[in-house]
């Protein structure tokens, strides 16, 4: 429940689905419960994805009230996010093991954290509609940019995150307004989490030695304990996000990513 409070707050603050906190936390709890390490990370990822559904809904509603969500971009990216999720879920549940997933989680998280710090001094807060001289906005809303949401969806499904971890820095790199990126990524999280959760339930359905109250790779007890708290704390994080400077948002984001990546890597290696 404490994890849920923190994850929900971060979901609203940073536009992430909370997976950046819930995956390592669930991995630790499942280890204490002596769940087989071979399926431990898969369970943590699947359960995390399930918790992202209510978290993203709460965060999206809060950001929408502030008219910060780019619905056009959400509609444009939606189908390609789902395609990426399908591919990533298939790979995570049938093709790679726990250590490989942990390595992927750590490498991507570190790369994003470094990118955010490096770009921290650049101008990334241009007004909506003024992304850059190459008309990046047109690119983002067209099929030409379809590879980006597809890749984000695939990686997010494999990492158990809501997409904000990758979409926020990606959009920020294109000088897309950071507050709009954070708000819209809450919608990305919902689009990613629903099909990914279904995939992890199906992918782990006949796996032996699952802990009590598990539907495939989704543990219902973990889902309920975390989700009940994220719904309460996500709107608080959203209000804070609109009250602080974008530079502080980027630094906070990079710090949490780096810490999580190191913890996950140490757990397996």
C-alpha atoms as a PDB file:
ATOM      1  CA  UNK A   1       0.000   0.000   0.000  1.00  0.00           C
ATOM      2  CA  UNK A   2       2.924   2.342   0.713  1.00  0.00           C
ATOM      3  CA  UNK A   3       4.291   1.492  -2.728  1.00  0.00           C
ATOM      4  CA  UNK A   4       0.897   2.386  -4.194  1.00  0.00           C
ATOM      5  CA  UNK A   5       0.944   5.811  -2.575  1.00  0.00           C
ATOM      6  CA  UNK A   6       4.391   6.595  -3.978  1.00  0.00           C
ATOM      7  CA  UNK A   7       3.655   5.101  -7.407  1.00  0.00           C
ATOM      8  CA  UNK A   8       0.417   7.044  -7.757  1.00  0.00           C
ATOM      9  CA  UNK A   9       2.072  10.315  -6.796  1.00  0.00           C
ATOM     10  CA  UNK A  10       4.846   9.735  -9.343  1.00  0.00           C
ATOM     11  CA  UNK A  11       2.276   8.821 -11.999  1.00  0.00           C
ATOM     12  CA  UNK A  12       0.637  12.203 -11.645  1.00  0.00           C
ATOM     13  CA  UNK A  13       3.895  14.100 -11.175  1.00  0.00           C
ATOM     14  CA  UNK A  14       5.987  12.570 -13.945  1.00  0.00           C
ATOM     15  CA  UNK A  15       3.413  11.078 -16.308  1.00  0.00           C
ATOM     16  CA  UNK A  16       4.558   7.510 -15.663  1.00  0.00           C
ATOM     17  CA  UNK A  17       2.248   4.628 -14.846  1.00  0.00           C
ATOM     18  CA  UNK A  18       4.003   3.907 -11.576  1.00  0.00           C
ATOM     19  CA  UNK A  19       5.792   0.825 -12.918  1.00  0.00           C
ATOM     20  CA  UNK A  20       9.147   2.475 -12.288  1.00  0.00           C
ATOM     21  CA  UNK A  21       8.415   1.936  -8.579  1.00  0.00           C
ATOM     22  CA  UNK A  22       6.034  -1.040  -8.517  1.00  0.00           C
ATOM     23  CA  UNK A  23       8.175  -3.449 -10.559  1.00  0.00           C
ATOM     24  CA  UNK A  24      11.188  -3.398  -8.186  1.00  0.00           C
ATOM     25  CA  UNK A  25       8.906  -3.244  -5.127  1.00  0.00           C
ATOM     26  CA  UNK A  26       6.846  -6.255  -6.235  1.00  0.00           C
ATOM     27  CA  UNK A  27      10.005  -8.096  -7.209  1.00  0.00           C
ATOM     28  CA  UNK A  28      11.299  -7.609  -3.656  1.00  0.00           C
ATOM     29  CA  UNK A  29       8.022  -8.661  -2.015  1.00  0.00           C
ATOM     30  CA  UNK A  30       7.746 -11.765  -4.183  1.00  0.00           C
ATOM     31  CA  UNK A  31      11.307 -12.653  -3.194  1.00  0.00           C
ATOM     32  CA  UNK A  32      10.389 -12.396   0.493  1.00  0.00           C
ATOM     33  CA  UNK A  33       7.428 -14.688  -0.265  1.00  0.00           C
ATOM     34  CA  UNK A  34       9.938 -17.169  -1.745  1.00  0.00           C
ATOM     35  CA  UNK A  35       8.411 -17.128  -5.214  1.00  0.00           C
ATOM     36  CA  UNK A  36      10.619 -18.901  -7.777  1.00  0.00           C
ATOM     37  CA  UNK A  37      13.095 -16.375  -9.192  1.00  0.00           C
ATOM     38  CA  UNK A  38      12.435 -17.790 -12.654  1.00  0.00           C
ATOM     39  CA  UNK A  39       8.929 -16.295 -12.687  1.00  0.00           C
ATOM     40  CA  UNK A  40       9.375 -13.533 -10.087  1.00  0.00           C
ATOM     41  CA  UNK A  41      10.119 -10.677 -12.475  1.00  0.00           C
ATOM     42  CA  UNK A  42       7.419 -11.799 -14.918  1.00  0.00           C
ATOM     43  CA  UNK A  43       4.901 -11.634 -12.061  1.00  0.00           C
ATOM     44  CA  UNK A  44       6.166  -8.230 -10.968  1.00  0.00           C
ATOM     45  CA  UNK A  45       5.876  -6.862 -14.509  1.00  0.00           C
ATOM     46  CA  UNK A  46       2.437  -8.350 -15.177  1.00  0.00           C
ATOM     47  CA  UNK A  47       1.022  -7.120 -11.867  1.00  0.00           C
ATOM     48  CA  UNK A  48       2.592  -3.701 -12.368  1.00  0.00           C
ATOM     49  CA  UNK A  49       0.940  -3.394 -15.772  1.00  0.00           C
ATOM     50  CA  UNK A  50      -2.432  -4.193 -14.207  1.00  0.00           C
ATOM     51  CA  UNK A  51      -1.995  -1.465 -11.575  1.00  0.00           C
ATOM     52  CA  UNK A  52      -1.197   1.039 -14.312  1.00  0.00           C
ATOM     53  CA  UNK A  53      -4.780   0.820 -15.606  1.00  0.00           C
ATOM     54  CA  UNK A  54      -6.515   2.556 -12.652  1.00  0.00           C
ATOM     55  CA  UNK A  55      -3.467   4.757 -12.046  1.00  0.00           C
ATOM     56  CA  UNK A  56      -3.492   6.063 -15.611  1.00  0.00           C
ATOM     57  CA  UNK A  57      -7.235   6.680 -15.522  1.00  0.00           C
ATOM     58  CA  UNK A  58      -6.919   8.753 -12.340  1.00  0.00           C
ATOM     59  CA  UNK A  59      -3.907  10.666 -13.668  1.00  0.00           C
ATOM     60  CA  UNK A  60      -5.490  11.248 -17.088  1.00  0.00           C
ATOM     61  CA  UNK A  61      -8.671  12.644 -15.540  1.00  0.00           C
ATOM     62  CA  UNK A  62      -6.675  15.018 -13.357  1.00  0.00           C
ATOM     63  CA  UNK A  63      -4.549  16.296 -16.259  1.00  0.00           C
ATOM     64  CA  UNK A  64      -7.595  16.556 -18.508  1.00  0.00           C
ATOM     65  CA  UNK A  65      -9.254  18.951 -16.073  1.00  0.00           C
ATOM     66  CA  UNK A  66      -6.280  21.259 -16.621  1.00  0.00           C
ATOM     67  CA  UNK A  67      -6.684  20.940 -20.411  1.00  0.00           C
ATOM     68  CA  UNK A  68      -3.132  19.591 -20.672  1.00  0.00           C
ATOM     69  CA  UNK A  69      -3.785  16.354 -22.616  1.00  0.00           C
ATOM     70  CA  UNK A  70      -2.986  16.305 -26.337  1.00  0.00           C
ATOM     71  CA  UNK A  71      -5.913  14.130 -27.462  1.00  0.00           C
ATOM     72  CA  UNK A  72      -4.910  14.367 -31.127  1.00  0.00           C
ATOM     73  CA  UNK A  73      -1.491  12.869 -30.399  1.00  0.00           C
ATOM     74  CA  UNK A  74      -3.076  10.194 -28.211  1.00  0.00           C
ATOM     75  CA  UNK A  75      -5.419   9.162 -31.033  1.00  0.00           C
ATOM     76  CA  UNK A  76      -2.580   9.210 -33.552  1.00  0.00           C
ATOM     77  CA  UNK A  77      -0.249   7.079 -31.454  1.00  0.00           C
ATOM     78  CA  UNK A  78      -2.868   4.691 -30.021  1.00  0.00           C
ATOM     79  CA  UNK A  79      -2.961   1.991 -32.733  1.00  0.00           C
ATOM     80  CA  UNK A  80       0.830   1.840 -33.016  1.00  0.00           C
ATOM     81  CA  UNK A  81       1.235   1.628 -29.247  1.00  0.00           C
ATOM     82  CA  UNK A  82      -1.067  -1.414 -29.245  1.00  0.00           C
ATOM     83  CA  UNK A  83       0.928  -3.078 -32.033  1.00  0.00           C
ATOM     84  CA  UNK A  84       4.135  -2.542 -30.075  1.00  0.00           C
ATOM     85  CA  UNK A  85       2.529  -3.867 -26.892  1.00  0.00           C
ATOM     86  CA  UNK A  86       1.480  -7.071 -28.658  1.00  0.00           C
ATOM     87  CA  UNK A  87       5.037  -7.682 -29.827  1.00  0.00           C
ATOM     88  CA  UNK A  88       6.630  -6.790 -26.485  1.00  0.00           C
ATOM     89  CA  UNK A  89       4.208  -8.937 -24.480  1.00  0.00           C
ATOM     90  CA  UNK A  90       4.839 -11.935 -26.704  1.00  0.00           C
ATOM     91  CA  UNK A  91       8.596 -11.557 -26.300  1.00  0.00           C
ATOM     92  CA  UNK A  92       8.432 -11.044 -22.513  1.00  0.00           C
ATOM     93  CA  UNK A  93       6.110 -13.972 -21.792  1.00  0.00           C
ATOM     94  CA  UNK A  94       7.487 -16.564 -24.193  1.00  0.00           C
ATOM     95  CA  UNK A  95      10.952 -15.659 -25.469  1.00  0.00           C
ATOM     96  CA  UNK A  96      13.193 -14.305 -22.677  1.00  0.00           C
ATOM     97  CA  UNK A  97      13.870 -15.113 -19.009  1.00  0.00           C
ATOM     98  CA  UNK A  98      14.059 -13.039 -15.821  1.00  0.00           C
ATOM     99  CA  UNK A  99      17.724 -11.980 -16.015  1.00  0.00           C
ATOM    100  CA  UNK A 100      17.293 -10.810 -19.611  1.00  0.00           C
ATOM    101  CA  UNK A 101      14.230  -8.773 -18.643  1.00  0.00           C
ATOM    102  CA  UNK A 102      16.133  -7.256 -15.719  1.00  0.00           C
ATOM    103  CA  UNK A 103      19.030  -6.297 -17.958  1.00  0.00           C
ATOM    104  CA  UNK A 104      16.663  -4.694 -20.474  1.00  0.00           C
ATOM    105  CA  UNK A 105      14.918  -2.769 -17.690  1.00  0.00           C
ATOM    106  CA  UNK A 106      18.206  -1.482 -16.294  1.00  0.00           C
ATOM    107  CA  UNK A 107      19.808  -0.508 -19.614  1.00  0.00           C
ATOM    108  CA  UNK A 108      16.794   1.404 -20.925  1.00  0.00           C
ATOM    109  CA  UNK A 109      16.211   3.167 -17.616  1.00  0.00           C
ATOM    110  CA  UNK A 110      19.851   4.286 -17.360  1.00  0.00           C
ATOM    111  CA  UNK A 111      19.884   5.468 -20.983  1.00  0.00           C
ATOM    112  CA  UNK A 112      16.771   7.569 -20.473  1.00  0.00           C
ATOM    113  CA  UNK A 113      18.086   9.003 -17.186  1.00  0.00           C
ATOM    114  CA  UNK A 114      21.362  10.063 -18.806  1.00  0.00           C
ATOM    115  CA  UNK A 115      19.539  11.587 -21.763  1.00  0.00           C
ATOM    116  CA  UNK A 116      17.344  13.665 -19.465  1.00  0.00           C
ATOM    117  CA  UNK A 117      20.348  15.037 -17.559  1.00  0.00           C
ATOM    118  CA  UNK A 118      22.278  15.830 -20.750  1.00  0.00           C
ATOM    119  CA  UNK A 119      19.312  17.636 -22.264  1.00  0.00           C
ATOM    120  CA  UNK A 120      18.430  19.437 -19.069  1.00  0.00           C
ATOM    121  CA  UNK A 121      20.032  22.655 -20.186  1.00  0.00           C
ATOM    122  CA  UNK A 122      18.351  22.727 -23.590  1.00  0.00           C
ATOM    123  CA  UNK A 123      15.235  24.634 -24.458  1.00  0.00           C
ATOM    124  CA  UNK A 124      12.443  22.064 -24.379  1.00  0.00           C
ATOM    125  CA  UNK A 125       9.542  24.175 -23.269  1.00  0.00           C
ATOM    126  CA  UNK A 126       8.479  25.749 -26.543  1.00  0.00           C
ATOM    127  CA  UNK A 127       4.813  26.723 -26.745  1.00  0.00           C
ATOM    128  CA  UNK A 128       2.460  24.072 -28.189  1.00  0.00           C
ATOM    129  CA  UNK A 129       2.703  24.015 -31.966  1.00  0.00           C
ATOM    130  CA  UNK A 130       6.291  25.324 -32.085  1.00  0.00           C
ATOM    131  CA  UNK A 131       8.340  22.155 -31.764  1.00  0.00           C
ATOM    132  CA  UNK A 132      11.303  22.919 -34.045  1.00  0.00           C
ATOM    133  CA  UNK A 133      12.326  24.113 -37.488  1.00  0.00           C
ATOM    134  CA  UNK A 134      11.865  20.668 -39.040  1.00  0.00           C
ATOM    135  CA  UNK A 135       8.161  20.658 -38.161  1.00  0.00           C
ATOM    136  CA  UNK A 136       8.448  17.786 -35.685  1.00  0.00           C
ATOM    137  CA  UNK A 137       4.813  18.256 -34.790  1.00  0.00           C
ATOM    138  CA  UNK A 138       3.711  17.188 -38.246  1.00  0.00           C
ATOM    139  CA  UNK A 139       6.037  14.196 -38.018  1.00  0.00           C
ATOM    140  CA  UNK A 140       4.663  13.149 -34.623  1.00  0.00           C
ATOM    141  CA  UNK A 141       1.074  13.156 -35.836  1.00  0.00           C
ATOM    142  CA  UNK A 142       1.751  11.234 -39.059  1.00  0.00           C
ATOM    143  CA  UNK A 143       2.390   7.619 -40.008  1.00  0.00           C
ATOM    144  CA  UNK A 144       6.025   8.572 -40.643  1.00  0.00           C
ATOM    145  CA  UNK A 145       6.528   8.588 -36.890  1.00  0.00           C
ATOM    146  CA  UNK A 146       4.707   5.291 -36.275  1.00  0.00           C
ATOM    147  CA  UNK A 147       7.916   3.485 -35.312  1.00  0.00           C
ATOM    148  CA  UNK A 148       8.236   5.642 -32.181  1.00  0.00           C
ATOM    149  CA  UNK A 149       4.981   4.635 -30.419  1.00  0.00           C
ATOM    150  CA  UNK A 150       5.436   1.037 -31.605  1.00  0.00           C
ATOM    151  CA  UNK A 151       8.894   0.882 -30.004  1.00  0.00           C
ATOM    152  CA  UNK A 152       7.667   2.619 -26.852  1.00  0.00           C
ATOM    153  CA  UNK A 153       4.757   0.181 -26.563  1.00  0.00           C
ATOM    154  CA  UNK A 154       6.998  -2.867 -27.006  1.00  0.00           C
ATOM    155  CA  UNK A 155       9.632  -1.760 -24.495  1.00  0.00           C
ATOM    156  CA  UNK A 156       7.006  -0.617 -21.982  1.00  0.00           C
ATOM    157  CA  UNK A 157       5.236  -3.990 -22.082  1.00  0.00           C
ATOM    158  CA  UNK A 158       8.526  -5.817 -21.508  1.00  0.00           C
ATOM    159  CA  UNK A 159       9.480  -3.492 -18.638  1.00  0.00           C
ATOM    160  CA  UNK A 160       6.083  -3.315 -16.915  1.00  0.00           C
ATOM    161  CA  UNK A 161       5.843   0.459 -17.222  1.00  0.00           C
ATOM    162  CA  UNK A 162       3.177   2.776 -18.558  1.00  0.00           C
ATOM    163  CA  UNK A 163       5.082   4.390 -21.396  1.00  0.00           C
ATOM    164  CA  UNK A 164       5.828   7.735 -19.762  1.00  0.00           C
ATOM    165  CA  UNK A 165       9.326   6.576 -18.879  1.00  0.00           C
ATOM    166  CA  UNK A 166      10.112   6.526 -22.593  1.00  0.00           C
ATOM    167  CA  UNK A 167       7.573   8.846 -24.211  1.00  0.00           C
ATOM    168  CA  UNK A 168       8.227  11.866 -21.965  1.00  0.00           C
ATOM    169  CA  UNK A 169      11.979  12.115 -22.721  1.00  0.00           C
ATOM    170  CA  UNK A 170      11.368  11.258 -26.386  1.00  0.00           C
ATOM    171  CA  UNK A 171       8.848  14.072 -26.777  1.00  0.00           C
ATOM    172  CA  UNK A 172      11.044  16.345 -24.690  1.00  0.00           C
ATOM    173  CA  UNK A 173      13.952  15.718 -27.075  1.00  0.00           C
ATOM    174  CA  UNK A 174      11.764  17.045 -29.892  1.00  0.00           C
ATOM    175  CA  UNK A 175      11.100  20.201 -27.863  1.00  0.00           C
ATOM    176  CA  UNK A 176       7.514  19.159 -27.229  1.00  0.00           C
ATOM    177  CA  UNK A 177       6.197  21.016 -24.127  1.00  0.00           C
ATOM    178  CA  UNK A 178       7.127  18.976 -21.054  1.00  0.00           C
ATOM    179  CA  UNK A 179       3.856  19.491 -19.184  1.00  0.00           C
ATOM    180  CA  UNK A 180       1.822  18.357 -22.185  1.00  0.00           C
ATOM    181  CA  UNK A 181       4.140  15.352 -22.592  1.00  0.00           C
ATOM    182  CA  UNK A 182       3.609  14.372 -18.960  1.00  0.00           C
ATOM    183  CA  UNK A 183      -0.168  14.773 -19.219  1.00  0.00           C
ATOM    184  CA  UNK A 184      -0.557  12.932 -22.531  1.00  0.00           C
ATOM    185  CA  UNK A 185       1.684  10.071 -21.414  1.00  0.00           C
ATOM    186  CA  UNK A 186      -0.963   9.192 -18.827  1.00  0.00           C
ATOM    187  CA  UNK A 187      -3.173   8.311 -21.783  1.00  0.00           C
ATOM    188  CA  UNK A 188      -0.356   6.330 -23.367  1.00  0.00           C
ATOM    189  CA  UNK A 189      -0.149   4.338 -20.140  1.00  0.00           C
ATOM    190  CA  UNK A 190      -3.788   3.307 -20.365  1.00  0.00           C
ATOM    191  CA  UNK A 191      -3.469   2.268 -24.007  1.00  0.00           C
ATOM    192  CA  UNK A 192      -0.385   0.208 -23.168  1.00  0.00           C
ATOM    193  CA  UNK A 193      -1.543  -1.349 -19.899  1.00  0.00           C
ATOM    194  CA  UNK A 194      -4.888  -2.846 -20.969  1.00  0.00           C
ATOM    195  CA  UNK A 195      -3.650  -5.139 -23.795  1.00  0.00           C
ATOM    196  CA  UNK A 196      -0.355  -5.846 -22.003  1.00  0.00           C
ATOM    197  CA  UNK A 197      -2.176  -7.008 -18.861  1.00  0.00           C
ATOM    198  CA  UNK A 198      -4.364  -9.325 -20.912  1.00  0.00           C
ATOM    199  CA  UNK A 199      -1.241 -10.680 -22.575  1.00  0.00           C
ATOM    200  CA  UNK A 200       0.525 -11.363 -19.273  1.00  0.00           C
ATOM    201  CA  UNK A 201      -2.563 -13.118 -17.899  1.00  0.00           C
ATOM    202  CA  UNK A 202      -2.705 -15.351 -20.960  1.00  0.00           C
ATOM    203  CA  UNK A 203       1.055 -15.859 -21.169  1.00  0.00           C
ATOM    204  CA  UNK A 204       1.319 -17.115 -17.594  1.00  0.00           C
ATOM    205  CA  UNK A 205      -1.985 -18.970 -17.369  1.00  0.00           C
ATOM    206  CA  UNK A 206      -0.586 -22.523 -17.174  1.00  0.00           C
ATOM    207  CA  UNK A 207       2.687 -21.711 -15.415  1.00  0.00           C
ATOM    208  CA  UNK A 208       3.233 -23.840 -12.269  1.00  0.00           C
ATOM    209  CA  UNK A 209       4.195 -22.551  -8.801  1.00  0.00           C
ATOM    210  CA  UNK A 210       2.424 -19.215  -9.120  1.00  0.00           C
ATOM    211  CA  UNK A 211       1.601 -17.564  -5.758  1.00  0.00           C
ATOM    212  CA  UNK A 212      -1.928 -17.511  -4.363  1.00  0.00           C
ATOM    213  CA  UNK A 213      -4.529 -15.334  -6.122  1.00  0.00           C
ATOM    214  CA  UNK A 214      -2.603 -15.129  -9.393  1.00  0.00           C
ATOM    215  CA  UNK A 215      -4.212 -14.934 -12.816  1.00  0.00           C
ATOM    216  CA  UNK A 216      -1.324 -15.914 -15.018  1.00  0.00           C
ATOM    217  CA  UNK A 217       1.463 -13.399 -14.409  1.00  0.00           C
ATOM    218  CA  UNK A 218      -0.886 -10.969 -12.631  1.00  0.00           C
ATOM    219  CA  UNK A 219      -1.252 -11.274  -8.854  1.00  0.00           C
ATOM    220  CA  UNK A 220      -4.667 -10.011  -7.762  1.00  0.00           C
ATOM    221  CA  UNK A 221      -3.625  -9.286  -4.157  1.00  0.00           C
ATOM    222  CA  UNK A 222      -0.726  -7.102  -5.277  1.00  0.00           C
ATOM    223  CA  UNK A 223      -2.943  -5.373  -7.818  1.00  0.00           C
ATOM    224  CA  UNK A 224      -5.615  -4.486  -5.245  1.00  0.00           C
ATOM    225  CA  UNK A 225      -3.200  -3.306  -2.552  1.00  0.00           C
ATOM    226  CA  UNK A 226      -1.356  -0.969  -4.909  1.00  0.00           C
ATOM    227  CA  UNK A 227      -4.269   0.227  -7.036  1.00  0.00           C
ATOM    228  CA  UNK A 228      -6.408   1.365  -4.116  1.00  0.00           C
ATOM    229  CA  UNK A 229      -3.668   3.760  -3.060  1.00  0.00           C
ATOM    230  CA  UNK A 230      -2.553   4.995  -6.493  1.00  0.00           C
ATOM    231  CA  UNK A 231      -6.068   6.239  -7.257  1.00  0.00           C
ATOM    232  CA  UNK A 232      -5.839   8.502  -4.213  1.00  0.00           C
ATOM    233  CA  UNK A 233      -2.329   9.848  -4.749  1.00  0.00           C
ATOM    234  CA  UNK A 234      -2.203  10.315  -8.561  1.00  0.00           C
ATOM    235  CA  UNK A 235      -4.307  13.511  -8.550  1.00  0.00           C
ATOM    236  CA  UNK A 236      -1.992  15.001  -5.901  1.00  0.00           C
ATOM    237  CA  UNK A 237       1.026  14.367  -8.100  1.00  0.00           C
ATOM    238  CA  UNK A 238      -0.775  15.957 -11.034  1.00  0.00           C
ATOM    239  CA  UNK A 239      -1.409  19.167  -9.086  1.00  0.00           C
ATOM    240  CA  UNK A 240       2.245  19.339  -8.029  1.00  0.00           C
ATOM    241  CA  UNK A 241       3.395  18.769 -11.644  1.00  0.00           C
ATOM    242  CA  UNK A 242       1.631  21.904 -12.808  1.00  0.00           C
ATOM    243  CA  UNK A 243       3.111  23.955  -9.978  1.00  0.00           C
ATOM    244  CA  UNK A 244       6.842  23.299 -10.426  1.00  0.00           C
ATOM    245  CA  UNK A 245       9.381  24.135 -13.138  1.00  0.00           C
ATOM    246  CA  UNK A 246       9.989  21.715 -16.071  1.00  0.00           C
ATOM    247  CA  UNK A 247      13.704  21.523 -15.206  1.00  0.00           C
ATOM    248  CA  UNK A 248      12.873  20.101 -11.779  1.00  0.00           C
ATOM    249  CA  UNK A 249      10.549  17.550 -13.417  1.00  0.00           C
ATOM    250  CA  UNK A 250      13.356  16.303 -15.659  1.00  0.00           C
ATOM    251  CA  UNK A 251      15.869  16.012 -12.810  1.00  0.00           C
ATOM    252  CA  UNK A 252      13.405  14.146 -10.581  1.00  0.00           C
ATOM    253  CA  UNK A 253      12.574  11.797 -13.412  1.00  0.00           C
ATOM    254  CA  UNK A 254      16.230  11.009 -14.149  1.00  0.00           C
ATOM    255  CA  UNK A 255      17.013  10.418 -10.466  1.00  0.00           C
ATOM    256  CA  UNK A 256      14.242   7.863  -9.986  1.00  0.00           C
ATOM    257  CA  UNK A 257      15.166   6.085 -13.200  1.00  0.00           C
ATOM    258  CA  UNK A 258      18.822   5.747 -12.227  1.00  0.00           C
ATOM    259  CA  UNK A 259      18.065   4.416  -8.740  1.00  0.00           C
ATOM    260  CA  UNK A 260      15.578   1.869 -10.060  1.00  0.00           C
ATOM    261  CA  UNK A 261      17.928   0.646 -12.796  1.00  0.00           C
ATOM    262  CA  UNK A 262      20.774   0.019 -10.354  1.00  0.00           C
ATOM    263  CA  UNK A 263      18.516  -1.834  -7.920  1.00  0.00           C
ATOM    264  CA  UNK A 264      17.116  -4.103 -10.595  1.00  0.00           C
ATOM    265  CA  UNK A 265      20.550  -4.915 -12.028  1.00  0.00           C
ATOM    266  CA  UNK A 266      21.990  -5.778  -8.592  1.00  0.00           C
ATOM    267  CA  UNK A 267      19.088  -8.123  -7.876  1.00  0.00           C
ATOM    268  CA  UNK A 268      20.034 -10.440 -10.760  1.00  0.00           C
ATOM    269  CA  UNK A 269      23.741  -9.828 -11.329  1.00  0.00           C
END
